């Protein structure tokens, strides 16, 4: 598999790998670019937004944060 342009990513709630963006979480991770598992959604931690955004999930799935400006994506491995 290879990284694909973000413009070709699914925007139907499918979980994918994202890279090139920045997380909005904690000072340690803030503004660090790192690959994350994410999805396009109108929801973030139970709050609905009028326009979609990319969100990432923490390892336990108990918290989601915004992933700003991803540049590439790829399907999750089997």
C-alpha atoms as a PDB file:
ATOM      1  CA  UNK A   1       0.000   0.000   0.000  1.00  0.00           C
ATOM      2  CA  UNK A   2       1.057   3.575  -0.543  1.00  0.00           C
ATOM      3  CA  UNK A   3      -0.076   6.990   0.653  1.00  0.00           C
ATOM      4  CA  UNK A   4      -2.771   8.557  -1.534  1.00  0.00           C
ATOM      5  CA  UNK A   5      -3.730  12.247  -1.943  1.00  0.00           C
ATOM      6  CA  UNK A   6      -6.228  13.340   0.731  1.00  0.00           C
ATOM      7  CA  UNK A   7      -8.609  14.573  -1.970  1.00  0.00           C
ATOM      8  CA  UNK A   8      -9.308  10.920  -2.841  1.00  0.00           C
ATOM      9  CA  UNK A   9     -10.077   9.818   0.735  1.00  0.00           C
ATOM     10  CA  UNK A  10     -13.551   8.499   1.588  1.00  0.00           C
ATOM     11  CA  UNK A  11     -15.784  10.975   3.408  1.00  0.00           C
ATOM     12  CA  UNK A  12     -18.399   8.503   4.556  1.00  0.00           C
ATOM     13  CA  UNK A  13     -17.129   7.751   8.071  1.00  0.00           C
ATOM     14  CA  UNK A  14     -14.725   5.000   7.004  1.00  0.00           C
ATOM     15  CA  UNK A  15     -11.716   4.688   9.325  1.00  0.00           C
ATOM     16  CA  UNK A  16      -8.412   5.153   7.448  1.00  0.00           C
ATOM     17  CA  UNK A  17      -4.775   6.047   8.135  1.00  0.00           C
ATOM     18  CA  UNK A  18      -4.064   9.783   7.811  1.00  0.00           C
ATOM     19  CA  UNK A  19      -0.750  11.629   7.699  1.00  0.00           C
ATOM     20  CA  UNK A  20       0.648  15.119   7.198  1.00  0.00           C
ATOM     21  CA  UNK A  21      -1.800  16.827   9.560  1.00  0.00           C
ATOM     22  CA  UNK A  22      -1.646  18.080  13.127  1.00  0.00           C
ATOM     23  CA  UNK A  23      -3.489  16.935  16.229  1.00  0.00           C
ATOM     24  CA  UNK A  24      -5.351  19.274  18.546  1.00  0.00           C
ATOM     25  CA  UNK A  25      -4.566  17.308  21.701  1.00  0.00           C
ATOM     26  CA  UNK A  26      -2.296  17.960  24.706  1.00  0.00           C
ATOM     27  CA  UNK A  27       0.718  20.195  24.663  1.00  0.00           C
ATOM     28  CA  UNK A  28       3.022  17.215  24.081  1.00  0.00           C
ATOM     29  CA  UNK A  29       1.301  16.180  20.858  1.00  0.00           C
ATOM     30  CA  UNK A  30       0.008  19.565  19.740  1.00  0.00           C
ATOM     31  CA  UNK A  31       1.185  20.578  16.291  1.00  0.00           C
ATOM     32  CA  UNK A  32       3.185  17.389  15.811  1.00  0.00           C
ATOM     33  CA  UNK A  33       2.704  15.658  12.503  1.00  0.00           C
ATOM     34  CA  UNK A  34       2.253  11.918  12.888  1.00  0.00           C
ATOM     35  CA  UNK A  35       0.147   9.253  11.226  1.00  0.00           C
ATOM     36  CA  UNK A  36      -3.174   8.561  12.944  1.00  0.00           C
ATOM     37  CA  UNK A  37      -6.263   6.397  12.511  1.00  0.00           C
ATOM     38  CA  UNK A  38      -8.999   8.804  11.525  1.00  0.00           C
ATOM     39  CA  UNK A  39     -12.274   9.433   9.749  1.00  0.00           C
ATOM     40  CA  UNK A  40     -14.257  12.266   8.155  1.00  0.00           C
ATOM     41  CA  UNK A  41     -17.235  13.174  10.311  1.00  0.00           C
ATOM     42  CA  UNK A  42     -19.679  15.895  11.363  1.00  0.00           C
ATOM     43  CA  UNK A  43     -19.369  14.741  15.002  1.00  0.00           C
ATOM     44  CA  UNK A  44     -16.569  15.213  17.508  1.00  0.00           C
ATOM     45  CA  UNK A  45     -16.904  13.878  21.054  1.00  0.00           C
ATOM     46  CA  UNK A  46     -20.690  13.925  20.888  1.00  0.00           C
ATOM     47  CA  UNK A  47     -21.005  17.403  19.410  1.00  0.00           C
ATOM     48  CA  UNK A  48     -22.383  17.908  15.915  1.00  0.00           C
ATOM     49  CA  UNK A  49     -20.772  20.432  13.573  1.00  0.00           C
ATOM     50  CA  UNK A  50     -22.310  22.040  10.512  1.00  0.00           C
ATOM     51  CA  UNK A  51     -19.389  21.031   8.331  1.00  0.00           C
ATOM     52  CA  UNK A  52     -17.262  17.912   8.316  1.00  0.00           C
ATOM     53  CA  UNK A  53     -13.795  17.524   9.727  1.00  0.00           C
ATOM     54  CA  UNK A  54     -11.117  14.883  10.112  1.00  0.00           C
ATOM     55  CA  UNK A  55     -10.940  13.319  13.552  1.00  0.00           C
ATOM     56  CA  UNK A  56      -8.509  10.838  15.043  1.00  0.00           C
ATOM     57  CA  UNK A  57      -9.070   8.215  17.716  1.00  0.00           C
ATOM     58  CA  UNK A  58      -6.856   7.544  20.716  1.00  0.00           C
ATOM     59  CA  UNK A  59      -5.622   3.986  21.207  1.00  0.00           C
ATOM     60  CA  UNK A  60      -8.630   3.049  23.381  1.00  0.00           C
ATOM     61  CA  UNK A  61     -11.270   4.786  21.251  1.00  0.00           C
ATOM     62  CA  UNK A  62     -12.484   6.704  24.285  1.00  0.00           C
ATOM     63  CA  UNK A  63     -11.470  10.128  22.971  1.00  0.00           C
ATOM     64  CA  UNK A  64     -11.461  11.698  19.547  1.00  0.00           C
ATOM     65  CA  UNK A  65      -9.595  14.818  18.525  1.00  0.00           C
ATOM     66  CA  UNK A  66      -9.471  16.933  15.417  1.00  0.00           C
ATOM     67  CA  UNK A  67      -6.743  16.132  12.906  1.00  0.00           C
ATOM     68  CA  UNK A  68      -6.122  19.330  10.970  1.00  0.00           C
ATOM     69  CA  UNK A  69      -4.844  19.484   7.413  1.00  0.00           C
ATOM     70  CA  UNK A  70      -3.975  15.882   6.528  1.00  0.00           C
ATOM     71  CA  UNK A  71      -2.234  15.605   3.184  1.00  0.00           C
ATOM     72  CA  UNK A  72      -2.389  11.841   2.544  1.00  0.00           C
ATOM     73  CA  UNK A  73      -4.321   8.728   3.495  1.00  0.00           C
ATOM     74  CA  UNK A  74      -4.354   4.965   3.005  1.00  0.00           C
ATOM     75  CA  UNK A  75      -6.791   2.173   3.838  1.00  0.00           C
ATOM     76  CA  UNK A  76      -6.326   0.409   7.160  1.00  0.00           C
ATOM     77  CA  UNK A  77      -4.393  -2.832   6.810  1.00  0.00           C
ATOM     78  CA  UNK A  78      -6.331  -6.089   7.197  1.00  0.00           C
END
